[in-house]
Amino acid sequence: MTIVLFLLVLFAAMTVGVPIAFALMLTALALMVQLDFFDAQLLAQNVQAGFDSFPLLAVPFFILAGELMNAGGLSRRIIDLARAFVGHIPGGLGYVAIAASLLLASMSGSAIADTAALATLLLPMMREQRYPEGSSAGLIASGGIIAPIVPPSMPMVIYGVTTNTSISKLFLAGIVPGVIMATALVLVWRRIAGREHLPVAEKTDWPHRRQVLASSVWALFMPVIIIGGLRLGLFTPTEAAVVAAVYAMLIAVFVYRELSLGRLYRVFVDAARTTGVVMFLCGAATAASYMITLADLPNQLAGVMGPLLHNPMLFMAVVAVFLLAVGMVMDLTPTILILAPVLAPLAAKAGIDPVYFGLIFIFVGCLGLLTPPVGTVLNVVAGVGGLRMAPVIRGVMPFLLVYAAVLALLIVFPAIVIQPLKWMF
C-alpha cells in the first residue's frame, strides 16, 4: 500500500506538470499523512539538510568549472586539438567529436555542458561538409553522455551523497567504461562514414599540430590534476571541484585571456542559477528519502523482488530495464535522488558491489538522456543545431543500440568495472 501511494502521488504530480522538486515534497507529505506523522518543521529540516552537505559542494564548483571552460576557450581548444590530429580521416569530424567528448568529459562532468559546446562548434562544420544531419547530431549527443560516466562526474557526486557510496571510487570506476563507450562510438561511426562516403579534410601539417597542442596544453592539464589528485589522495572530490573551477578561471582569464570581467560575472550568474535548481532538488529528495526510510519502502520492495535477490545478474538486468523505462520520462538527477535510496539497499542484499551498482545505475540513467520523449541531451543538440527532433532521434538510434550492447557487456562481466578498481586501490 505504501509503495502504491508513493508512486501514485509522484507520477500524478508530474503528469499534471508539477516540477519534480515540488512533486517530491508532495510525496513526502503524502507519506507523512499515511503514517499519521505530519510535522512541517521536520519536513523543513530535512529539506535544509539535503543541501547542507560538504560533498555536495562539489556540484556548484563542477558546474562553474564547466561554464568557465565553455566561456573561456578551454573547450574550443580541446576540439581544435582533436580536429588537428584526426580531422583528416574519412568522416574525420565525427572522430573529432568522439575524441573531444572523451577529453571534455574528463574536465566538466556535465552531459548538457559538453553536448552544447560540441554542438555549437562542430554541427556547423558538419553541415558545411554535408554530413548527414541526423547521424551527426546523434553522434554528438551520444558523445555528450560520456561526461557523467568518467571523472569528474556530477551525477556520481549526487549518487555518492544520496547512497553514502565512496565518490572517489565511483569516479575511478567510470574510467574503463568511458573508454569502452568512446570505442563503441568509433566502431559505429566508422561504418556510417563508409556507407555515406563522407568527405575527407586536408591533413594538418605537423607545425600546425604542434601549435595547436601548445595552445591546448593548459586545458589538457585539467583532467591530469583532477584524476591524479584523487588517485594520489591529495584532495577529496569536493576539493577537486574547487581546484577545477579555480584552475579553469585562471587559465581563461590570465592565459587565454578570453574572459572579461563582464563575461566572468555572467558565468557566475549562470552557474548560480543552475546550482540553485540542483540544490533545491537535492533538498526535496532528502525529505522524500527520509519518509521512504520511515515507511520501510526498501524492505517492502525487497519482499516483492525477493526471488531476484538470489541471482545478482538477473537482478541487475531487471533493474536496468526498469531504470531505462524511468529514464524515458525522467531526467538523470531526479532518477538518482528518487530511486537510488530505494534500489541501492536491495543491491547490497543481493551481494552486488555498491560502486559497481552505482556505475550501472548512472550508465542506464545516461541512456535515458538519449531516449524520447524527454531526451534532455537530444533536445540540447536539436535546439543548438536548429534541427527537428525526428531526424535527431533516427540518427541517435545506432549509437543507442551499441550503448545497450555495452550495458549488457558490463552486466554479464562485472569484473570490467570491479577489477580495475581493485588495481587502483
Protein backbone atom coordinates (compact mmCIF):
# COMPACT_ATOMS: atom_id res chain seq x y z
CA MET A 1 0.00 0.00 0.00
CA THR A 2 2.81 2.44 0.88
CA ILE A 3 4.66 1.70 -2.37
CA VAL A 4 1.48 2.31 -4.39
CA LEU A 5 0.84 5.61 -2.58
CA PHE A 6 4.42 6.75 -3.17
CA LEU A 7 4.32 6.03 -6.91
CA LEU A 8 0.77 7.33 -7.37
CA VAL A 9 1.44 10.72 -5.78
CA LEU A 10 4.80 11.15 -7.50
CA PHE A 11 3.67 10.35 -11.04
CA ALA A 12 0.28 12.04 -10.67
CA ALA A 13 2.03 15.28 -9.66
CA MET A 14 4.49 15.01 -12.55
CA THR A 15 1.70 14.21 -15.02
CA VAL A 16 -0.15 17.45 -14.24
CA GLY A 17 3.07 19.44 -14.68
CA VAL A 18 4.24 19.91 -11.08
CA PRO A 19 8.05 20.48 -11.04
CA ILE A 20 9.88 17.39 -9.82
CA ALA A 21 11.23 19.07 -6.66
CA PHE A 22 7.70 20.00 -5.55
CA ALA A 23 6.41 16.57 -6.60
CA LEU A 24 8.95 15.03 -4.22
CA MET A 25 7.77 17.35 -1.44
CA LEU A 26 4.17 16.27 -2.07
CA THR A 27 5.31 12.65 -1.92
CA ALA A 28 6.94 13.24 1.47
CA LEU A 29 3.76 14.96 2.73
CA ALA A 30 1.59 12.08 1.48
CA LEU A 31 3.76 9.53 3.27
CA MET A 32 3.64 11.63 6.44
CA VAL A 33 -0.16 11.70 6.34
CA GLN A 34 -0.36 7.98 5.57
CA LEU A 35 1.91 7.20 8.54
CA ASP A 36 -0.01 9.68 10.73
CA PHE A 37 3.24 11.54 11.28
CA PHE A 38 2.75 15.04 9.89
CA ASP A 39 5.39 17.53 11.08
CA ALA A 40 6.07 20.64 8.96
CA GLN A 41 9.18 21.54 10.95
CA LEU A 42 10.71 18.10 10.39
CA LEU A 43 9.99 18.41 6.67
CA ALA A 44 11.73 21.79 6.51
CA GLN A 45 14.71 20.47 8.47
CA ASN A 46 15.17 17.59 6.03
CA VAL A 47 14.98 19.90 3.02
CA GLN A 48 17.66 22.10 4.57
CA ALA A 49 19.79 19.07 5.48
CA GLY A 50 19.59 17.89 1.87
CA PHE A 51 21.82 20.66 0.56
CA ASP A 52 23.78 21.34 3.77
CA SER A 53 26.39 18.77 2.77
CA PHE A 54 30.13 19.16 2.29
CA PRO A 55 30.38 16.53 -0.51
CA LEU A 56 27.56 18.28 -2.41
CA LEU A 57 29.71 21.42 -2.59
CA ALA A 58 31.38 19.65 -5.49
CA VAL A 59 28.25 20.19 -7.60
CA PRO A 60 28.31 24.02 -7.82
CA PHE A 61 32.06 24.06 -8.39
CA PHE A 62 31.91 21.49 -11.19
CA ILE A 63 29.03 23.44 -12.73
CA LEU A 64 31.15 26.59 -12.52
CA ALA A 65 34.16 24.79 -14.00
CA GLY A 66 32.06 23.68 -16.98
CA GLU A 67 30.74 27.21 -17.57
CA LEU A 68 34.26 28.63 -17.35
CA MET A 69 35.60 26.05 -19.80
CA ASN A 70 32.99 26.88 -22.43
CA ALA A 71 33.19 30.66 -21.99
CA GLY A 72 36.96 30.83 -21.52
CA GLY A 73 38.10 28.92 -24.60
CA LEU A 74 39.25 25.66 -22.98
CA SER A 75 36.54 23.58 -24.68
CA ARG A 76 37.24 25.12 -28.08
CA ARG A 77 40.95 24.35 -27.85
CA ILE A 78 40.25 20.72 -26.99
CA ILE A 79 38.07 20.44 -30.10
CA ASP A 80 40.74 22.17 -32.21
CA LEU A 81 43.32 19.67 -30.92
CA ALA A 82 41.17 16.68 -31.85
CA ARG A 83 40.48 18.21 -35.27
CA ALA A 84 44.19 18.72 -35.97
CA PHE A 85 45.07 15.08 -35.26
CA VAL A 86 42.09 13.06 -36.55
CA GLY A 87 40.17 15.51 -38.75
CA HIS A 88 41.76 14.18 -41.98
CA ILE A 89 40.32 10.66 -41.63
CA PRO A 90 37.20 9.95 -43.78
CA GLY A 91 34.33 11.28 -41.69
CA GLY A 92 37.00 12.98 -39.59
CA LEU A 93 34.72 15.48 -37.86
CA GLY A 94 32.88 12.54 -36.30
CA TYR A 95 36.11 11.23 -34.82
CA VAL A 96 36.85 14.77 -33.65
CA ALA A 97 33.50 14.77 -31.83
CA ILE A 98 34.30 11.44 -30.14
CA ALA A 99 37.82 12.41 -29.08
CA ALA A 100 36.66 15.81 -27.86
CA SER A 101 33.76 14.20 -25.97
CA LEU A 102 36.14 11.97 -24.03
CA LEU A 103 38.55 14.83 -23.27
CA LEU A 104 35.82 17.28 -22.27
CA ALA A 105 34.13 14.62 -20.15
CA SER A 106 37.29 14.33 -18.08
CA MET A 107 37.02 18.03 -17.21
CA SER A 108 33.41 19.12 -16.73
CA GLY A 109 31.27 16.11 -15.68
CA SER A 110 28.15 17.61 -17.28
CA ALA A 111 26.46 15.95 -20.26
CA ILE A 112 24.49 19.09 -21.12
CA ALA A 113 27.50 21.44 -20.99
CA ASP A 114 29.68 19.14 -23.11
CA THR A 115 26.92 18.47 -25.64
CA ALA A 116 26.15 22.18 -26.01
CA ALA A 117 29.84 23.00 -26.57
CA LEU A 118 30.31 20.24 -29.14
CA ALA A 119 27.08 21.01 -30.99
CA THR A 120 27.85 24.74 -31.14
CA LEU A 121 31.30 24.24 -32.64
CA LEU A 122 31.01 21.04 -34.69
CA LEU A 123 27.47 20.92 -36.11
CA PRO A 124 28.01 23.97 -38.40
CA MET A 125 31.25 22.38 -39.70
CA MET A 126 29.49 19.05 -40.31
CA ARG A 127 26.64 20.80 -42.09
CA GLU A 128 29.09 22.72 -44.26
CA GLN A 129 30.81 19.47 -45.33
CA ARG A 130 27.40 17.86 -45.99
CA TYR A 131 27.49 15.25 -43.28
CA PRO A 132 24.07 13.63 -42.64
CA GLU A 133 22.48 15.91 -40.04
CA GLY A 134 20.68 13.18 -38.12
CA SER A 135 23.76 10.98 -37.72
CA SER A 136 25.95 13.98 -36.84
CA ALA A 137 23.54 15.16 -34.15
CA GLY A 138 23.10 11.61 -32.85
CA LEU A 139 26.86 11.16 -32.56
CA ILE A 140 27.35 14.44 -30.68
CA ALA A 141 24.51 13.60 -28.29
CA SER A 142 25.91 10.11 -27.71
CA GLY A 143 29.37 11.51 -27.03
CA GLY A 144 27.91 14.01 -24.59
CA ILE A 145 26.66 11.33 -22.20
CA ILE A 146 30.20 10.06 -21.61
CA ALA A 147 30.59 13.05 -19.25
CA PRO A 148 28.50 11.58 -16.37
CA ILE A 149 30.47 8.31 -16.58
CA VAL A 150 34.11 9.41 -16.42
CA PRO A 151 35.56 11.54 -13.60
CA PRO A 152 34.72 14.19 -12.58
CA SER A 153 31.00 13.36 -12.79
CA MET A 154 28.31 15.45 -11.14
CA PRO A 155 25.74 12.60 -11.15
CA MET A 156 28.29 10.43 -9.34
CA VAL A 157 28.67 13.11 -6.68
CA ILE A 158 24.91 13.20 -6.19
CA TYR A 159 24.65 9.40 -6.19
CA GLY A 160 27.52 9.07 -3.71
CA VAL A 161 25.95 11.57 -1.30
CA THR A 162 22.47 10.04 -1.68
CA THR A 163 23.56 6.43 -1.06
CA ASN A 164 26.65 7.02 1.11
CA THR A 165 28.92 5.44 -1.53
CA SER A 166 32.56 6.47 -1.97
CA ILE A 167 32.62 9.26 -4.58
CA SER A 168 36.33 8.75 -5.26
CA LYS A 169 35.75 5.07 -6.06
CA LEU A 170 32.75 5.94 -8.25
CA PHE A 171 34.93 8.42 -10.15
CA LEU A 172 37.69 5.90 -10.81
CA ALA A 173 35.22 3.11 -11.64
CA GLY A 174 33.97 5.14 -14.59
CA ILE A 175 37.30 5.39 -16.46
CA VAL A 176 37.24 1.99 -18.21
CA PRO A 177 33.50 2.10 -19.14
CA GLY A 178 34.02 5.63 -20.50
CA VAL A 179 36.81 4.44 -22.79
CA ILE A 180 34.67 1.48 -23.89
CA MET A 181 31.83 3.88 -24.75
CA ALA A 182 34.13 6.02 -26.89
CA THR A 183 35.48 2.91 -28.66
CA ALA A 184 31.92 1.75 -29.39
CA LEU A 185 31.11 5.14 -30.93
CA VAL A 186 34.20 4.89 -33.14
CA LEU A 187 33.08 1.49 -34.49
CA VAL A 188 29.58 2.71 -35.30
CA TRP A 189 30.77 5.99 -36.85
CA ARG A 190 33.33 4.15 -38.97
CA ARG A 191 30.52 2.12 -40.51
CA ILE A 192 28.38 5.22 -41.09
CA ALA A 193 31.31 7.09 -42.64
CA GLY A 194 31.99 4.20 -45.03
CA ARG A 195 28.35 3.88 -46.00
CA GLU A 196 27.79 7.59 -46.58
CA HIS A 197 31.17 8.19 -48.30
CA LEU A 198 31.82 11.22 -46.13
CA PRO A 199 34.35 13.82 -47.31
CA VAL A 200 38.00 13.80 -46.29
CA ALA A 201 39.51 17.02 -44.96
CA GLU A 202 43.03 18.11 -45.77
CA LYS A 203 45.64 16.63 -43.42
CA THR A 204 47.05 19.10 -40.91
CA ASP A 205 50.82 19.53 -41.10
CA TRP A 206 52.99 18.90 -38.04
CA PRO A 207 53.95 22.56 -37.42
CA HIS A 208 50.26 23.42 -37.09
CA ARG A 209 49.65 20.36 -34.89
CA ARG A 210 52.46 21.43 -32.57
CA GLN A 211 50.98 24.92 -32.43
CA VAL A 212 47.51 23.60 -31.55
CA LEU A 213 48.99 21.20 -28.98
CA ALA A 214 50.94 24.03 -27.35
CA SER A 215 47.79 26.15 -27.21
CA SER A 216 45.69 23.39 -25.64
CA VAL A 217 48.26 22.02 -23.18
CA TRP A 218 46.88 24.19 -20.37
CA ALA A 219 43.42 22.74 -20.93
CA LEU A 220 44.83 19.19 -21.03
CA PHE A 221 46.40 19.63 -17.61
CA MET A 222 42.97 19.93 -16.02
CA PRO A 223 41.99 16.21 -16.06
CA VAL A 224 45.54 15.28 -15.08
CA ILE A 225 45.28 17.48 -11.98
CA ILE A 226 41.80 16.22 -11.05
CA ILE A 227 42.28 12.48 -11.61
CA GLY A 228 45.88 12.48 -10.43
CA GLY A 229 45.00 14.37 -7.26
CA LEU A 230 42.16 11.97 -6.47
CA ARG A 231 44.27 8.88 -7.16
CA LEU A 232 47.18 10.14 -5.03
CA GLY A 233 44.87 11.24 -2.23
CA LEU A 234 45.92 14.88 -2.46
CA PHE A 235 42.34 16.11 -2.21
CA THR A 236 38.75 14.91 -1.87
CA PRO A 237 36.21 15.08 -4.74
CA THR A 238 34.83 18.33 -3.28
CA GLU A 239 38.30 19.85 -3.16
CA ALA A 240 38.91 18.56 -6.69
CA ALA A 241 35.86 20.52 -7.85
CA VAL A 242 37.23 23.70 -6.28
CA VAL A 243 40.62 23.10 -7.87
CA ALA A 244 38.95 22.55 -11.27
CA ALA A 245 36.92 25.77 -11.04
CA VAL A 246 39.85 27.91 -9.88
CA TYR A 247 42.19 26.39 -12.49
CA ALA A 248 39.67 26.94 -15.31
CA MET A 249 39.17 30.56 -14.24
CA LEU A 250 42.89 31.31 -14.02
CA ILE A 251 43.58 29.79 -17.44
CA ALA A 252 40.60 31.52 -19.07
CA VAL A 253 41.39 34.96 -17.58
CA PHE A 254 45.19 35.12 -17.43
CA VAL A 255 46.49 32.61 -20.02
CA TYR A 256 43.93 32.54 -22.84
CA ARG A 257 42.55 35.99 -21.92
CA GLU A 258 39.11 35.25 -23.35
CA LEU A 259 37.11 36.04 -20.24
CA SER A 260 36.48 39.70 -19.44
CA LEU A 261 35.13 40.89 -16.10
CA GLY A 262 31.65 41.32 -17.57
CA ARG A 263 31.58 37.81 -19.05
CA LEU A 264 33.00 36.37 -15.82
CA TYR A 265 30.08 37.91 -13.91
CA ARG A 266 27.66 36.33 -16.41
CA VAL A 267 29.32 32.93 -15.96
CA PHE A 268 28.95 33.15 -12.17
CA VAL A 269 25.26 34.10 -12.50
CA ASP A 270 24.52 31.20 -14.87
CA ALA A 271 26.35 28.74 -12.61
CA ALA A 272 24.47 30.05 -9.56
CA ARG A 273 21.10 29.61 -11.26
CA THR A 274 21.86 26.02 -12.25
CA THR A 275 23.20 25.31 -8.77
CA GLY A 276 20.03 26.68 -7.15
CA VAL A 277 17.86 24.31 -9.16
CA VAL A 278 20.02 21.26 -8.41
CA MET A 279 20.37 22.01 -4.71
CA PHE A 280 16.65 22.56 -4.15
CA LEU A 281 16.02 19.29 -5.92
CA CYS A 282 18.51 17.59 -3.59
CA GLY A 283 16.77 19.10 -0.55
CA ALA A 284 13.31 17.95 -1.66
CA ALA A 285 14.67 14.48 -2.44
CA THR A 286 16.23 14.25 1.04
CA ALA A 287 12.84 14.96 2.62
CA ALA A 288 11.25 12.27 0.45
CA SER A 289 14.12 9.87 1.20
CA TYR A 290 13.65 10.38 4.95
CA MET A 291 9.99 9.40 4.67
CA ILE A 292 10.86 6.46 2.40
CA THR A 293 13.12 5.17 5.18
CA LEU A 294 10.47 5.65 7.86
CA ALA A 295 7.88 3.90 5.69
CA ASP A 296 10.33 0.99 5.24
CA LEU A 297 9.89 1.04 1.46
CA PRO A 298 13.21 -0.72 0.67
CA ASN A 299 12.23 -3.76 2.72
CA GLN A 300 8.74 -3.79 1.23
CA LEU A 301 10.26 -3.70 -2.25
CA ALA A 302 12.71 -6.43 -1.23
CA GLY A 303 9.71 -8.60 -0.42
CA VAL A 304 8.33 -8.05 -3.91
CA MET A 305 11.69 -8.64 -5.64
CA GLY A 306 12.84 -11.38 -3.25
CA PRO A 307 13.40 -14.11 -5.86
CA LEU A 308 15.67 -11.83 -7.89
CA LEU A 309 18.00 -11.16 -4.96
CA HIS A 310 19.39 -14.68 -5.23
CA ASN A 311 20.53 -14.08 -8.81
CA PRO A 312 22.61 -10.87 -8.98
CA MET A 313 22.93 -10.85 -12.78
CA LEU A 314 19.17 -11.24 -13.28
CA PHE A 315 18.56 -8.57 -10.64
CA MET A 316 20.87 -6.16 -12.47
CA ALA A 317 19.15 -6.89 -15.79
CA VAL A 318 15.68 -6.23 -14.35
CA VAL A 319 16.85 -3.04 -12.63
CA ALA A 320 18.48 -1.86 -15.88
CA VAL A 321 15.24 -2.35 -17.85
CA PHE A 322 13.27 -0.60 -15.12
CA LEU A 323 15.68 2.35 -14.98
CA LEU A 324 15.68 2.66 -18.76
CA ALA A 325 11.88 2.90 -18.74
CA VAL A 326 12.04 5.53 -16.00
CA GLY A 327 14.78 7.41 -17.85
CA MET A 328 12.50 7.83 -20.85
CA VAL A 329 10.23 10.13 -18.83
CA MET A 330 12.55 11.49 -16.11
CA ASP A 331 15.91 13.28 -16.10
CA LEU A 332 19.03 11.70 -14.57
CA THR A 333 19.32 13.77 -11.39
CA PRO A 334 15.76 13.17 -10.11
CA THR A 335 16.08 9.50 -11.07
CA ILE A 336 19.13 9.23 -8.80
CA LEU A 337 17.51 11.18 -5.98
CA ILE A 338 14.25 9.22 -6.06
CA LEU A 339 15.31 5.65 -6.85
CA ALA A 340 18.90 5.27 -5.64
CA PRO A 341 17.97 5.28 -1.92
CA VAL A 342 15.43 2.52 -2.64
CA LEU A 343 17.41 0.31 -5.02
CA ALA A 344 20.91 0.57 -3.51
CA PRO A 345 19.94 -1.34 -0.32
CA LEU A 346 18.38 -4.08 -2.47
CA ALA A 347 21.60 -4.37 -4.47
CA ALA A 348 23.52 -4.73 -1.21
CA LYS A 349 21.18 -7.56 -0.15
CA ALA A 350 21.83 -9.25 -3.49
CA GLY A 351 25.58 -9.12 -2.77
CA ILE A 352 26.36 -6.61 -5.54
CA ASP A 353 29.35 -4.29 -5.12
CA PRO A 354 27.91 -0.83 -4.26
CA VAL A 355 30.35 1.04 -6.52
CA TYR A 356 29.60 -1.28 -9.45
CA PHE A 357 25.85 -0.88 -8.89
CA GLY A 358 26.23 2.90 -8.76
CA LEU A 359 28.14 2.90 -12.06
CA ILE A 360 25.46 0.78 -13.78
CA PHE A 361 22.70 2.92 -12.27
CA ILE A 362 24.24 6.09 -13.71
CA PHE A 363 25.06 4.43 -17.05
CA VAL A 364 21.42 3.40 -17.56
CA GLY A 365 20.24 6.83 -16.43
CA CYS A 366 22.51 8.37 -19.08
CA LEU A 367 20.84 6.26 -21.77
CA GLY A 368 17.60 7.92 -20.71
CA LEU A 369 19.12 11.25 -21.75
CA LEU A 370 19.13 9.91 -25.34
CA THR A 371 15.60 8.48 -25.39
CA PRO A 372 12.39 10.36 -26.19
CA PRO A 373 10.05 11.80 -25.05
CA VAL A 374 12.25 13.67 -22.54
CA GLY A 375 15.73 13.07 -24.02
CA THR A 376 17.39 16.10 -22.45
CA VAL A 377 20.62 15.77 -24.44
CA LEU A 378 18.68 15.23 -27.67
CA ASN A 379 16.80 18.47 -27.02
CA VAL A 380 20.08 20.31 -26.46
CA VAL A 381 21.51 19.12 -29.79
CA ALA A 382 18.30 19.85 -31.68
CA GLY A 383 18.00 23.30 -30.10
CA VAL A 384 21.61 24.32 -30.72
CA GLY A 385 21.62 22.95 -34.27
CA GLY A 386 18.15 24.23 -35.19
CA LEU A 387 17.09 20.68 -36.14
CA ARG A 388 13.75 18.89 -35.99
CA MET A 389 13.62 16.17 -33.36
CA ALA A 390 12.62 13.33 -35.72
CA PRO A 391 15.93 13.13 -37.68
CA VAL A 392 17.89 13.51 -34.45
CA ILE A 393 16.05 10.54 -32.92
CA ARG A 394 16.67 8.44 -36.03
CA GLY A 395 20.32 9.46 -36.05
CA VAL A 396 20.94 8.51 -32.43
CA MET A 397 19.44 5.01 -32.72
CA PRO A 398 22.61 3.16 -33.94
CA PHE A 399 24.63 4.69 -31.11
CA LEU A 400 21.91 3.90 -28.57
CA LEU A 401 21.92 0.27 -29.70
CA VAL A 402 25.70 -0.06 -29.32
CA TYR A 403 25.43 1.52 -25.85
CA ALA A 404 22.82 -1.13 -24.99
CA ALA A 405 25.38 -3.75 -26.04
CA VAL A 406 27.99 -2.10 -23.79
CA LEU A 407 25.49 -2.17 -20.91
CA ALA A 408 24.87 -5.88 -21.47
CA LEU A 409 28.64 -6.46 -21.50
CA LEU A 410 29.05 -4.66 -18.16
CA ILE A 411 26.19 -6.63 -16.59
CA VAL A 412 27.46 -10.02 -17.80
CA PHE A 413 31.09 -9.23 -16.92
CA PRO A 414 31.09 -7.00 -13.81
CA ALA A 415 34.86 -7.56 -13.48
CA ILE A 416 35.30 -4.97 -16.26
CA VAL A 417 34.39 -2.37 -13.64
CA ILE A 418 35.40 -4.05 -10.41
CA GLN A 419 38.86 -5.41 -11.30
CA PRO A 420 40.44 -2.10 -12.46
CA LEU A 421 39.03 -0.51 -9.33
CA LYS A 422 40.85 -3.07 -7.18
CA TRP A 423 44.08 -2.34 -9.02
CA MET A 424 43.68 1.41 -8.45
CA PHE A 425 43.09 0.95 -4.73
